[in-house]
Amino acid sequence: MDTAATRPVVTPTLTGSALRLRDEVAAGLVFFFGGDSCAIEPDDIDYDLIVVSARFSGVDRRNRENGLRELWYATGGEGPLDLICVTPRELEQAQRRATLIADVLPHAVDLLVPI
């Protein structure tokens, strides 16, 4: 399968949201996967981000995304947003096991790296 054909479409809103995440929670990596590139109908559009920040250390996983959706909408984001918030160490560990993160990273786009 051609991975270029399955890569998510990066919009200015996604890039702007990633930059805000970098500034607000010191995100070192913000990966976008799935999203509108997989949608058949406009109502099917959703956005999936993996946000990697050392600031999540010691924060309960259920509370890590507090306030992050507001950043999404403040930067013009529309539609549902799914967040996976991990520390750099958790990302490294997830990549070595059979996890959702390990599965999607080969096809994800780091929004903080210029294309």
Protein backbone atom coordinates (compact mmCIF):
# COMPACT_ATOMS: atom_id res chain seq x y z
CA MET A 1 0.00 0.00 0.00
CA ASP A 2 1.25 3.47 -0.88
CA THR A 3 1.67 5.33 2.43
CA ALA A 4 1.63 8.71 0.66
CA ALA A 5 -1.95 8.01 -0.42
CA THR A 6 -3.00 7.30 3.16
CA ARG A 7 -1.23 10.19 4.87
CA PRO A 8 -3.51 12.65 6.64
CA VAL A 9 -4.15 16.05 5.10
CA VAL A 10 -2.50 18.75 7.24
CA THR A 11 -4.50 21.98 7.44
CA PRO A 12 -3.42 25.38 8.79
CA THR A 13 -5.76 24.77 11.75
CA LEU A 14 -3.92 21.57 12.64
CA THR A 15 -0.56 23.30 12.41
CA GLY A 16 -1.81 26.25 14.47
CA SER A 17 -3.21 23.91 17.11
CA ALA A 18 0.09 22.04 17.32
CA LEU A 19 1.99 25.30 17.81
CA ARG A 20 -0.41 26.30 20.61
CA LEU A 21 0.10 22.89 22.25
CA ARG A 22 3.85 23.41 22.03
CA ASP A 23 3.50 26.79 23.73
CA GLU A 24 0.86 25.87 26.33
CA VAL A 25 1.94 22.39 27.48
CA ALA A 26 5.51 22.24 26.12
CA ALA A 27 4.56 19.56 23.61
CA GLY A 28 7.68 18.31 21.90
CA LEU A 29 5.76 16.19 19.42
CA VAL A 30 2.21 16.43 18.14
CA PHE A 31 1.24 13.60 15.82
CA PHE A 32 -1.84 13.72 13.60
CA PHE A 33 -3.26 10.46 12.33
CA GLY A 34 -6.47 9.34 10.69
CA GLY A 35 -8.69 12.37 10.57
CA ASP A 36 -10.31 13.82 7.49
CA SER A 37 -8.15 11.83 5.10
CA CYS A 38 -10.20 8.76 6.03
CA ALA A 39 -13.62 10.42 5.93
CA ILE A 40 -16.09 9.48 3.24
CA GLU A 41 -18.82 11.88 4.31
CA PRO A 42 -18.25 15.38 5.78
CA ASP A 43 -20.04 14.31 8.97
CA ASP A 44 -17.46 11.54 9.42
CA ILE A 45 -14.56 13.96 9.90
CA ASP A 46 -12.71 13.67 13.18
CA TYR A 47 -9.20 14.55 14.25
CA ASP A 48 -6.86 12.32 16.20
CA LEU A 49 -3.75 13.70 17.91
CA ILE A 50 -1.01 12.18 20.01
CA VAL A 51 0.44 14.93 22.19
CA VAL A 52 3.82 14.22 23.78
CA SER A 53 4.94 16.37 26.70
CA ALA A 54 7.08 15.87 29.78
CA ARG A 55 4.55 18.05 31.60
CA PHE A 56 2.16 15.11 31.64
CA SER A 57 4.44 13.30 34.10
CA GLY A 58 2.63 12.79 37.39
CA VAL A 59 -0.71 13.88 35.91
CA ASP A 60 -3.48 11.29 35.91
CA ARG A 61 -4.09 10.13 32.32
CA ARG A 62 -7.77 11.09 32.59
CA ASN A 63 -6.83 14.70 33.37
CA ARG A 64 -4.08 15.28 30.81
CA GLU A 65 -6.35 16.58 28.10
CA ASN A 66 -8.05 19.14 30.38
CA GLY A 67 -8.14 22.44 28.52
CA LEU A 68 -6.60 21.08 25.33
CA ARG A 69 -9.86 20.91 23.39
CA GLU A 70 -10.38 24.59 24.13
CA LEU A 71 -7.05 25.29 22.38
CA TRP A 72 -8.31 23.31 19.39
CA TYR A 73 -11.47 25.40 19.10
CA ALA A 74 -9.60 28.66 19.81
CA THR A 75 -7.36 28.01 16.80
CA GLY A 76 -10.32 27.37 14.51
CA GLY A 77 -10.67 23.63 14.99
CA GLU A 78 -14.00 22.18 14.02
CA GLY A 79 -15.25 18.68 14.52
CA PRO A 80 -14.53 16.02 17.08
CA LEU A 81 -11.03 15.80 18.50
CA ASP A 82 -9.57 12.68 20.07
CA LEU A 83 -6.43 13.16 22.14
CA ILE A 84 -3.85 10.71 23.37
CA CYS A 85 -1.61 12.55 25.83
CA VAL A 86 1.63 10.81 26.79
CA THR A 87 5.04 11.57 28.22
CA PRO A 88 8.16 10.98 26.10
CA ARG A 89 8.91 7.85 28.13
CA GLU A 90 5.38 6.50 27.64
CA LEU A 91 5.69 7.11 23.91
CA GLU A 92 8.95 5.18 23.80
CA GLN A 93 7.43 2.29 25.75
CA ALA A 94 4.30 2.23 23.59
CA GLN A 95 6.37 1.99 20.43
CA ARG A 96 7.95 -1.25 21.65
CA ARG A 97 4.63 -3.02 22.29
CA ALA A 98 1.48 -3.82 20.37
CA THR A 99 -0.40 -0.58 21.02
CA LEU A 100 -2.52 1.88 19.10
CA ILE A 101 0.40 4.31 19.19
CA ALA A 102 2.80 1.77 17.67
CA ASP A 103 0.22 0.99 15.00
CA VAL A 104 -0.49 4.57 13.88
CA LEU A 105 2.92 6.25 14.21
CA PRO A 106 4.30 4.96 10.89
CA HIS A 107 1.44 6.78 9.12
CA ALA A 108 1.19 9.82 11.40
CA VAL A 109 2.44 13.31 10.68
CA ASP A 110 4.39 15.29 13.28
CA LEU A 111 2.69 18.67 13.07
CA LEU A 112 5.66 20.46 14.64
CA VAL A 113 8.03 19.44 11.82
CA PRO A 114 7.82 21.63 8.71
CA ILE A 115 6.71 19.68 5.66
